[in-house]
Amino acid sequence: MKFLALFITLFFVNISSTSDITEVRSLYRYAKDTKENTEKFYKVTQNTDYQGNPVLSAYYGCALTLKAAYADRTGQKISFFRKGKKLIEAAIEAEPDNIELRMIRLSVQTSAPRITRYYKNKDEDKSFLTDNIEKVSSAKLKKFIKGFMSTSEAFK
């Protein structure tokens, strides 16, 4: 009986995290377009189990860096950006060979203002994506990253 309860719990947790990442990826595409999109992306990523998942944590970090652009006070801008950057870097430290994490960092570094000094890994991440995109086993993830690569300023 305990085994059945554990199985059902794990099954629903797995479905939940799969739907979380699908929704997050969908919102990520348009998050920087408007303040409303950024806020929706932020809220969704904030409500995921990002603390136990480096990819969701990096997306939440990305959302914080985007939220910084719309903050009213300079202190808030700095705080949001630093916290977001810290989450992205911690995720990459935990999984340095994760191509999706490298894509997230590249997207943030490509669009971050130079004053933030968050741009030092752009060439490294761009090369990582180029060298490893064909090794991605998930067709959905590969298509998603290729879509990013086709529209990102980093690849133009």
N, C-alpha and C. Protein backbone atom coordinates (compact mmCIF):
# COMPACT_ATOMS: atom_id res chain seq x y z
N MET A 1 0.83 -1.20 0.00
CA MET A 1 0.00 0.00 0.00
C MET A 1 0.87 1.26 0.00
N LYS A 2 1.93 1.25 0.83
CA LYS A 2 2.82 2.41 0.88
C LYS A 2 3.51 2.61 -0.47
N PHE A 3 3.86 1.49 -1.11
CA PHE A 3 4.51 1.57 -2.42
C PHE A 3 3.58 2.24 -3.43
N LEU A 4 2.32 1.88 -3.41
CA LEU A 4 1.34 2.47 -4.33
C LEU A 4 1.20 3.97 -4.09
N ALA A 5 1.13 4.37 -2.85
CA ALA A 5 1.02 5.79 -2.51
C ALA A 5 2.26 6.55 -2.97
N LEU A 6 3.43 5.95 -2.76
CA LEU A 6 4.68 6.57 -3.20
C LEU A 6 4.71 6.69 -4.72
N PHE A 7 4.30 5.64 -5.42
CA PHE A 7 4.28 5.65 -6.88
C PHE A 7 3.36 6.75 -7.41
N ILE A 8 2.17 6.86 -6.85
CA ILE A 8 1.21 7.87 -7.29
C ILE A 8 1.76 9.27 -7.03
N THR A 9 2.37 9.47 -5.88
CA THR A 9 2.96 10.77 -5.56
C THR A 9 4.06 11.12 -6.55
N LEU A 10 4.97 10.19 -6.80
CA LEU A 10 6.07 10.45 -7.74
C LEU A 10 5.56 10.68 -9.15
N PHE A 11 4.52 9.97 -9.54
CA PHE A 11 3.93 10.13 -10.86
C PHE A 11 3.40 11.56 -11.03
N PHE A 12 2.65 12.05 -10.05
CA PHE A 12 2.08 13.40 -10.16
C PHE A 12 3.14 14.48 -10.04
N VAL A 13 4.18 14.25 -9.25
CA VAL A 13 5.28 15.22 -9.15
C VAL A 13 5.98 15.31 -10.49
N ASN A 14 6.21 14.18 -11.15
CA ASN A 14 6.87 14.17 -12.45
C ASN A 14 6.02 14.88 -13.50
N ILE A 15 4.73 14.63 -13.52
CA ILE A 15 3.83 15.32 -14.46
C ILE A 15 3.84 16.81 -14.17
N SER A 16 3.81 17.18 -12.92
CA SER A 16 3.81 18.60 -12.53
C SER A 16 5.08 19.28 -13.00
N SER A 17 6.25 18.67 -12.80
CA SER A 17 7.48 19.32 -13.20
C SER A 17 7.60 19.37 -14.72
N THR A 18 7.06 18.38 -15.44
CA THR A 18 7.07 18.40 -16.90
C THR A 18 6.19 19.53 -17.41
N SER A 19 5.01 19.68 -16.81
CA SER A 19 4.14 20.77 -17.25
C SER A 19 4.73 22.12 -16.85
N ASP A 20 5.43 22.18 -15.71
CA ASP A 20 6.09 23.42 -15.30
C ASP A 20 7.09 23.86 -16.36
N ILE A 21 7.97 22.95 -16.77
CA ILE A 21 9.02 23.33 -17.71
C ILE A 21 8.43 23.68 -19.08
N THR A 22 7.38 23.00 -19.48
CA THR A 22 6.73 23.31 -20.76
C THR A 22 6.15 24.72 -20.72
N GLU A 23 5.46 25.05 -19.65
CA GLU A 23 4.88 26.39 -19.52
C GLU A 23 5.97 27.45 -19.41
N VAL A 24 7.00 27.17 -18.64
CA VAL A 24 8.09 28.13 -18.47
C VAL A 24 8.78 28.40 -19.80
N ARG A 25 9.06 27.36 -20.55
CA ARG A 25 9.71 27.55 -21.86
C ARG A 25 8.82 28.37 -22.79
N SER A 26 7.55 28.10 -22.75
CA SER A 26 6.61 28.83 -23.60
C SER A 26 6.60 30.33 -23.24
N LEU A 27 6.56 30.62 -21.96
CA LEU A 27 6.54 32.02 -21.52
C LEU A 27 7.88 32.71 -21.73
N TYR A 28 8.96 31.95 -21.62
CA TYR A 28 10.31 32.49 -21.78
C TYR A 28 10.50 33.17 -23.14
N ARG A 29 9.93 32.57 -24.16
CA ARG A 29 10.09 33.09 -25.52
C ARG A 29 9.70 34.56 -25.65
N TYR A 30 8.67 34.97 -24.93
CA TYR A 30 8.14 36.32 -25.09
C TYR A 30 8.27 37.16 -23.82
N ALA A 31 9.00 36.65 -22.85
CA ALA A 31 9.08 37.32 -21.54
C ALA A 31 9.65 38.73 -21.62
N LYS A 32 10.63 38.95 -22.46
CA LYS A 32 11.26 40.27 -22.50
C LYS A 32 10.51 41.28 -23.38
N ASP A 33 9.49 40.84 -24.09
CA ASP A 33 8.79 41.72 -25.02
C ASP A 33 8.02 42.85 -24.33
N THR A 34 7.37 42.56 -23.21
CA THR A 34 6.58 43.58 -22.52
C THR A 34 6.69 43.39 -21.01
N LYS A 35 6.32 44.42 -20.29
CA LYS A 35 6.33 44.35 -18.83
C LYS A 35 5.35 43.27 -18.35
N GLU A 36 4.21 43.18 -19.00
CA GLU A 36 3.20 42.19 -18.62
C GLU A 36 3.73 40.77 -18.83
N ASN A 37 4.40 40.53 -19.96
CA ASN A 37 4.98 39.22 -20.22
C ASN A 37 6.06 38.87 -19.20
N THR A 38 6.87 39.88 -18.87
CA THR A 38 7.91 39.67 -17.86
C THR A 38 7.29 39.30 -16.52
N GLU A 39 6.26 40.01 -16.14
CA GLU A 39 5.61 39.76 -14.85
C GLU A 39 4.97 38.37 -14.82
N LYS A 40 4.35 37.96 -15.90
CA LYS A 40 3.74 36.62 -15.96
C LYS A 40 4.83 35.55 -15.87
N PHE A 41 5.91 35.72 -16.60
CA PHE A 41 7.04 34.79 -16.57
C PHE A 41 7.61 34.71 -15.16
N TYR A 42 7.77 35.85 -14.52
CA TYR A 42 8.28 35.91 -13.15
C TYR A 42 7.37 35.13 -12.20
N LYS A 43 6.08 35.38 -12.27
CA LYS A 43 5.15 34.72 -11.35
C LYS A 43 5.13 33.21 -11.55
N VAL A 44 5.13 32.78 -12.80
CA VAL A 44 5.10 31.35 -13.07
C VAL A 44 6.39 30.68 -12.58
N THR A 45 7.53 31.29 -12.88
CA THR A 45 8.80 30.68 -12.44
C THR A 45 8.93 30.70 -10.92
N GLN A 46 8.42 31.73 -10.32
CA GLN A 46 8.47 31.84 -8.85
C GLN A 46 7.63 30.73 -8.20
N ASN A 47 6.57 30.31 -8.84
CA ASN A 47 5.67 29.30 -8.29
C ASN A 47 6.03 27.87 -8.66
N THR A 48 7.15 27.68 -9.36
CA THR A 48 7.61 26.32 -9.66
C THR A 48 8.47 25.84 -8.50
N ASP A 49 8.85 24.58 -8.55
CA ASP A 49 9.76 24.02 -7.55
C ASP A 49 11.20 24.29 -8.01
N TYR A 50 11.51 25.57 -8.17
CA TYR A 50 12.80 25.95 -8.73
C TYR A 50 13.98 25.63 -7.82
N GLN A 51 13.75 25.56 -6.52
CA GLN A 51 14.86 25.33 -5.59
C GLN A 51 15.44 23.93 -5.72
N GLY A 52 14.68 23.00 -6.19
CA GLY A 52 15.18 21.64 -6.35
C GLY A 52 15.53 21.28 -7.78
N ASN A 53 15.53 22.27 -8.67
CA ASN A 53 15.71 21.99 -10.09
C ASN A 53 16.57 23.10 -10.72
N PRO A 54 17.82 22.79 -11.10
CA PRO A 54 18.69 23.83 -11.66
C PRO A 54 18.11 24.55 -12.89
N VAL A 55 17.41 23.83 -13.75
CA VAL A 55 16.86 24.48 -14.95
C VAL A 55 15.77 25.48 -14.57
N LEU A 56 14.84 25.06 -13.72
CA LEU A 56 13.79 25.98 -13.27
C LEU A 56 14.39 27.13 -12.47
N SER A 57 15.43 26.85 -11.70
CA SER A 57 16.10 27.90 -10.93
C SER A 57 16.72 28.94 -11.86
N ALA A 58 17.34 28.48 -12.93
CA ALA A 58 17.94 29.41 -13.90
C ALA A 58 16.87 30.23 -14.61
N TYR A 59 15.75 29.62 -14.94
CA TYR A 59 14.65 30.38 -15.55
C TYR A 59 14.12 31.44 -14.56
N TYR A 60 14.02 31.07 -13.30
CA TYR A 60 13.60 32.04 -12.29
C TYR A 60 14.63 33.17 -12.20
N GLY A 61 15.91 32.82 -12.24
CA GLY A 61 16.96 33.84 -12.26
C GLY A 61 16.83 34.75 -13.47
N CYS A 62 16.54 34.17 -14.60
CA CYS A 62 16.31 34.94 -15.82
C CYS A 62 15.15 35.91 -15.63
N ALA A 63 14.07 35.40 -15.04
CA ALA A 63 12.89 36.25 -14.79
C ALA A 63 13.25 37.43 -13.87
N LEU A 64 14.07 37.17 -12.88
CA LEU A 64 14.49 38.26 -11.97
C LEU A 64 15.31 39.32 -12.72
N THR A 65 16.19 38.87 -13.60
CA THR A 65 16.99 39.85 -14.36
C THR A 65 16.11 40.68 -15.28
N LEU A 66 15.09 40.06 -15.84
CA LEU A 66 14.14 40.80 -16.69
C LEU A 66 13.31 41.76 -15.85
N LYS A 67 12.91 41.32 -14.68
CA LYS A 67 12.12 42.15 -13.78
C LYS A 67 12.91 43.40 -13.36
N ALA A 68 14.21 43.26 -13.29
CA ALA A 68 15.07 44.40 -12.93
C ALA A 68 14.89 45.56 -13.89
N ALA A 69 14.67 45.25 -15.14
CA ALA A 69 14.51 46.31 -16.16
C ALA A 69 13.28 47.17 -15.90
N TYR A 70 12.28 46.60 -15.25
CA TYR A 70 11.02 47.33 -15.02
C TYR A 70 10.88 47.85 -13.58
N ALA A 71 11.87 47.60 -12.76
CA ALA A 71 11.80 48.08 -11.37
C ALA A 71 11.87 49.60 -11.33
N ASP A 72 11.18 50.19 -10.37
CA ASP A 72 11.12 51.65 -10.26
C ASP A 72 12.37 52.26 -9.65
N ARG A 73 12.90 51.61 -8.64
CA ARG A 73 14.05 52.18 -7.93
C ARG A 73 15.35 51.47 -8.33
N THR A 74 16.43 52.21 -8.33
CA THR A 74 17.74 51.67 -8.69
C THR A 74 18.12 50.52 -7.78
N GLY A 75 17.85 50.66 -6.49
CA GLY A 75 18.17 49.59 -5.54
C GLY A 75 17.45 48.30 -5.87
N GLN A 76 16.19 48.41 -6.30
CA GLN A 76 15.43 47.22 -6.69
C GLN A 76 16.03 46.60 -7.96
N LYS A 77 16.40 47.44 -8.90
CA LYS A 77 16.99 46.95 -10.15
C LYS A 77 18.23 46.12 -9.85
N ILE A 78 19.09 46.67 -9.01
CA ILE A 78 20.34 46.00 -8.65
C ILE A 78 20.06 44.70 -7.91
N SER A 79 19.13 44.75 -6.97
CA SER A 79 18.79 43.58 -6.17
C SER A 79 18.23 42.45 -7.03
N PHE A 80 17.26 42.76 -7.88
CA PHE A 80 16.69 41.75 -8.77
C PHE A 80 17.76 41.14 -9.67
N PHE A 81 18.58 42.01 -10.26
CA PHE A 81 19.58 41.51 -11.20
C PHE A 81 20.61 40.63 -10.50
N ARG A 82 21.11 41.06 -9.37
CA ARG A 82 22.12 40.27 -8.64
C ARG A 82 21.57 38.92 -8.21
N LYS A 83 20.35 38.90 -7.71
CA LYS A 83 19.74 37.64 -7.27
C LYS A 83 19.55 36.71 -8.47
N GLY A 84 19.09 37.27 -9.59
CA GLY A 84 18.91 36.46 -10.79
C GLY A 84 20.21 35.89 -11.30
N LYS A 85 21.22 36.72 -11.36
CA LYS A 85 22.55 36.30 -11.81
C LYS A 85 23.08 35.18 -10.91
N LYS A 86 22.90 35.34 -9.63
CA LYS A 86 23.38 34.34 -8.65
C LYS A 86 22.69 33.00 -8.87
N LEU A 87 21.39 33.01 -9.13
CA LEU A 87 20.66 31.77 -9.38
C LEU A 87 21.13 31.08 -10.67
N ILE A 88 21.35 31.87 -11.70
CA ILE A 88 21.81 31.32 -12.98
C ILE A 88 23.19 30.69 -12.81
N GLU A 89 24.09 31.40 -12.16
CA GLU A 89 25.45 30.90 -11.97
C GLU A 89 25.47 29.66 -11.09
N ALA A 90 24.64 29.62 -10.05
CA ALA A 90 24.57 28.44 -9.18
C ALA A 90 24.05 27.23 -9.96
N ALA A 91 23.09 27.45 -10.82
CA ALA A 91 22.54 26.36 -11.64
C ALA A 91 23.62 25.80 -12.56
N ILE A 92 24.39 26.69 -13.19
CA ILE A 92 25.44 26.25 -14.10
C ILE A 92 26.56 25.56 -13.34
N GLU A 93 26.84 26.03 -12.14
CA GLU A 93 27.85 25.37 -11.31
C GLU A 93 27.40 23.94 -10.97
N ALA A 94 26.11 23.77 -10.73
CA ALA A 94 25.57 22.44 -10.40
C ALA A 94 25.57 21.52 -11.62
N GLU A 95 25.30 22.08 -12.80
CA GLU A 95 25.22 21.28 -14.03
C GLU A 95 25.91 22.02 -15.18
N PRO A 96 27.24 22.05 -15.18
CA PRO A 96 27.96 22.84 -16.19
C PRO A 96 27.79 22.36 -17.63
N ASP A 97 27.40 21.12 -17.82
CA ASP A 97 27.23 20.60 -19.18
C ASP A 97 25.79 20.62 -19.65
N ASN A 98 24.93 21.32 -18.95
CA ASN A 98 23.52 21.40 -19.32
C ASN A 98 23.35 22.51 -20.36
N ILE A 99 23.00 22.12 -21.56
CA ILE A 99 22.90 23.07 -22.68
C ILE A 99 21.80 24.11 -22.46
N GLU A 100 20.72 23.73 -21.81
CA GLU A 100 19.63 24.68 -21.58
C GLU A 100 20.06 25.78 -20.62
N LEU A 101 20.85 25.41 -19.62
CA LEU A 101 21.37 26.42 -18.68
C LEU A 101 22.29 27.40 -19.40
N ARG A 102 23.10 26.89 -20.28
CA ARG A 102 24.01 27.76 -21.06
C ARG A 102 23.21 28.69 -21.97
N MET A 103 22.12 28.20 -22.52
CA MET A 103 21.26 29.03 -23.36
C MET A 103 20.66 30.17 -22.53
N ILE A 104 20.19 29.84 -21.34
CA ILE A 104 19.59 30.85 -20.47
C ILE A 104 20.61 31.93 -20.13
N ARG A 105 21.81 31.50 -19.72
CA ARG A 105 22.83 32.49 -19.37
C ARG A 105 23.20 33.34 -20.59
N LEU A 106 23.34 32.72 -21.75
CA LEU A 106 23.67 33.48 -22.95
C LEU A 106 22.59 34.50 -23.26
N SER A 107 21.34 34.13 -23.11
CA SER A 107 20.25 35.07 -23.41
C SER A 107 20.28 36.26 -22.46
N VAL A 108 20.58 36.00 -21.20
CA VAL A 108 20.64 37.10 -20.22
C VAL A 108 21.85 37.98 -20.50
N GLN A 109 23.01 37.35 -20.73
CA GLN A 109 24.22 38.14 -20.96
C GLN A 109 24.16 38.94 -22.25
N THR A 110 23.46 38.43 -23.24
CA THR A 110 23.33 39.15 -24.51
C THR A 110 22.48 40.41 -24.36
N SER A 111 21.48 40.34 -23.49
CA SER A 111 20.58 41.49 -23.36
C SER A 111 20.85 42.36 -22.12
N ALA A 112 21.76 41.93 -21.25
CA ALA A 112 22.05 42.71 -20.04
C ALA A 112 22.81 43.99 -20.39
N PRO A 113 22.48 45.08 -19.73
CA PRO A 113 23.23 46.31 -19.95
C PRO A 113 24.71 46.12 -19.59
N ARG A 114 25.59 46.74 -20.32
CA ARG A 114 27.05 46.58 -20.08
C ARG A 114 27.43 46.97 -18.66
N ILE A 115 26.71 47.92 -18.09
CA ILE A 115 27.04 48.39 -16.74
C ILE A 115 26.97 47.26 -15.71
N THR A 116 26.21 46.20 -16.00
CA THR A 116 26.09 45.08 -15.07
C THR A 116 27.35 44.20 -15.06
N ARG A 117 28.14 44.35 -16.09
CA ARG A 117 29.36 43.54 -16.27
C ARG A 117 29.07 42.04 -16.31
N TYR A 118 27.91 41.71 -16.80
CA TYR A 118 27.52 40.31 -16.91
C TYR A 118 27.51 39.94 -18.38
N TYR A 119 28.69 39.71 -18.92
CA TYR A 119 28.81 39.41 -20.34
C TYR A 119 30.02 38.52 -20.65
N LYS A 120 30.73 38.09 -19.65
CA LYS A 120 32.01 37.42 -19.85
C LYS A 120 31.92 36.00 -20.41
N ASN A 121 30.77 35.38 -20.36
CA ASN A 121 30.63 34.00 -20.82
C ASN A 121 29.93 33.88 -22.17
N LYS A 122 29.70 34.99 -22.83
CA LYS A 122 28.93 34.96 -24.08
C LYS A 122 29.58 34.07 -25.14
N ASP A 123 30.85 34.26 -25.40
CA ASP A 123 31.53 33.47 -26.43
C ASP A 123 31.59 32.00 -26.05
N GLU A 124 31.88 31.74 -24.78
CA GLU A 124 31.95 30.36 -24.28
C GLU A 124 30.59 29.66 -24.43
N ASP A 125 29.53 30.33 -24.04
CA ASP A 125 28.20 29.72 -24.13
C ASP A 125 27.73 29.56 -25.57
N LYS A 126 28.05 30.54 -26.40
CA LYS A 126 27.70 30.44 -27.81
C LYS A 126 28.38 29.22 -28.44
N SER A 127 29.66 29.04 -28.16
CA SER A 127 30.39 27.88 -28.67
C SER A 127 29.83 26.58 -28.11
N PHE A 128 29.48 26.60 -26.83
CA PHE A 128 28.92 25.40 -26.20
C PHE A 128 27.63 24.99 -26.90
N LEU A 129 26.76 25.95 -27.16
CA LEU A 129 25.51 25.64 -27.84
C LEU A 129 25.77 25.10 -29.24
N THR A 130 26.62 25.77 -29.99
CA THR A 130 26.94 25.36 -31.35
C THR A 130 27.53 23.95 -31.38
N ASP A 131 28.44 23.67 -30.45
CA ASP A 131 29.14 22.38 -30.42
C ASP A 131 28.27 21.23 -29.91
N ASN A 132 27.24 21.54 -29.12
CA ASN A 132 26.49 20.48 -28.45
C ASN A 132 25.02 20.34 -28.85
N ILE A 133 24.53 21.19 -29.71
CA ILE A 133 23.10 21.16 -30.05
C ILE A 133 22.69 19.82 -30.67
N GLU A 134 23.53 19.23 -31.46
CA GLU A 134 23.17 17.97 -32.11
C GLU A 134 23.21 16.78 -31.15
N LYS A 135 23.78 16.97 -29.98
CA LYS A 135 23.86 15.90 -28.98
C LYS A 135 22.62 15.85 -28.09
N VAL A 136 21.73 16.84 -28.21
CA VAL A 136 20.54 16.89 -27.37
C VAL A 136 19.59 15.78 -27.80
N SER A 137 19.20 14.94 -26.85
CA SER A 137 18.37 13.78 -27.19
C SER A 137 16.88 14.11 -27.27
N SER A 138 16.44 15.11 -26.53
CA SER A 138 15.03 15.49 -26.56
C SER A 138 14.74 16.34 -27.80
N ALA A 139 13.85 15.85 -28.62
CA ALA A 139 13.50 16.59 -29.84
C ALA A 139 12.88 17.95 -29.51
N LYS A 140 12.06 18.01 -28.47
CA LYS A 140 11.43 19.27 -28.06
C LYS A 140 12.47 20.28 -27.61
N LEU A 141 13.41 19.82 -26.78
CA LEU A 141 14.44 20.73 -26.28
C LEU A 141 15.35 21.19 -27.41
N LYS A 142 15.71 20.27 -28.30
CA LYS A 142 16.56 20.63 -29.43
C LYS A 142 15.88 21.70 -30.30
N LYS A 143 14.61 21.51 -30.59
CA LYS A 143 13.86 22.47 -31.39
C LYS A 143 13.79 23.82 -30.67
N PHE A 144 13.56 23.79 -29.37
CA PHE A 144 13.47 25.01 -28.57
C PHE A 144 14.80 25.78 -28.61
N ILE A 145 15.90 25.09 -28.40
CA ILE A 145 17.21 25.75 -28.39
C ILE A 145 17.58 26.24 -29.79
N LYS A 146 17.28 25.46 -30.81
CA LYS A 146 17.54 25.90 -32.18
C LYS A 146 16.72 27.16 -32.51
N GLY A 147 15.51 27.22 -32.00
CA GLY A 147 14.69 28.42 -32.17
C GLY A 147 15.35 29.63 -31.52
N PHE A 148 15.88 29.43 -30.33
CA PHE A 148 16.61 30.51 -29.66
C PHE A 148 17.81 30.94 -30.49
N MET A 149 18.57 29.96 -30.96
CA MET A 149 19.78 30.26 -31.72
C MET A 149 19.46 31.01 -33.02
N SER A 150 18.33 30.72 -33.62
CA SER A 150 17.97 31.37 -34.88
C SER A 150 17.51 32.81 -34.69
N THR A 151 17.11 33.18 -33.48
CA THR A 151 16.62 34.54 -33.25
C THR A 151 17.52 35.38 -32.35
N SER A 152 18.46 34.76 -31.67
CA SER A 152 19.30 35.47 -30.70
C SER A 152 20.31 36.39 -31.39
N GLU A 153 20.49 37.56 -30.80
CA GLU A 153 21.49 38.50 -31.28
C GLU A 153 22.90 37.89 -31.22
N ALA A 154 23.11 36.98 -30.29
CA ALA A 154 24.43 36.36 -30.13
C ALA A 154 24.87 35.58 -31.35
N PHE A 155 23.93 35.12 -32.15
CA PHE A 155 24.24 34.29 -33.31
C PHE A 155 24.13 35.05 -34.63
N LYS A 156 23.98 36.36 -34.55
CA LYS A 156 23.86 37.15 -35.79
C LYS A 156 25.18 37.80 -36.15
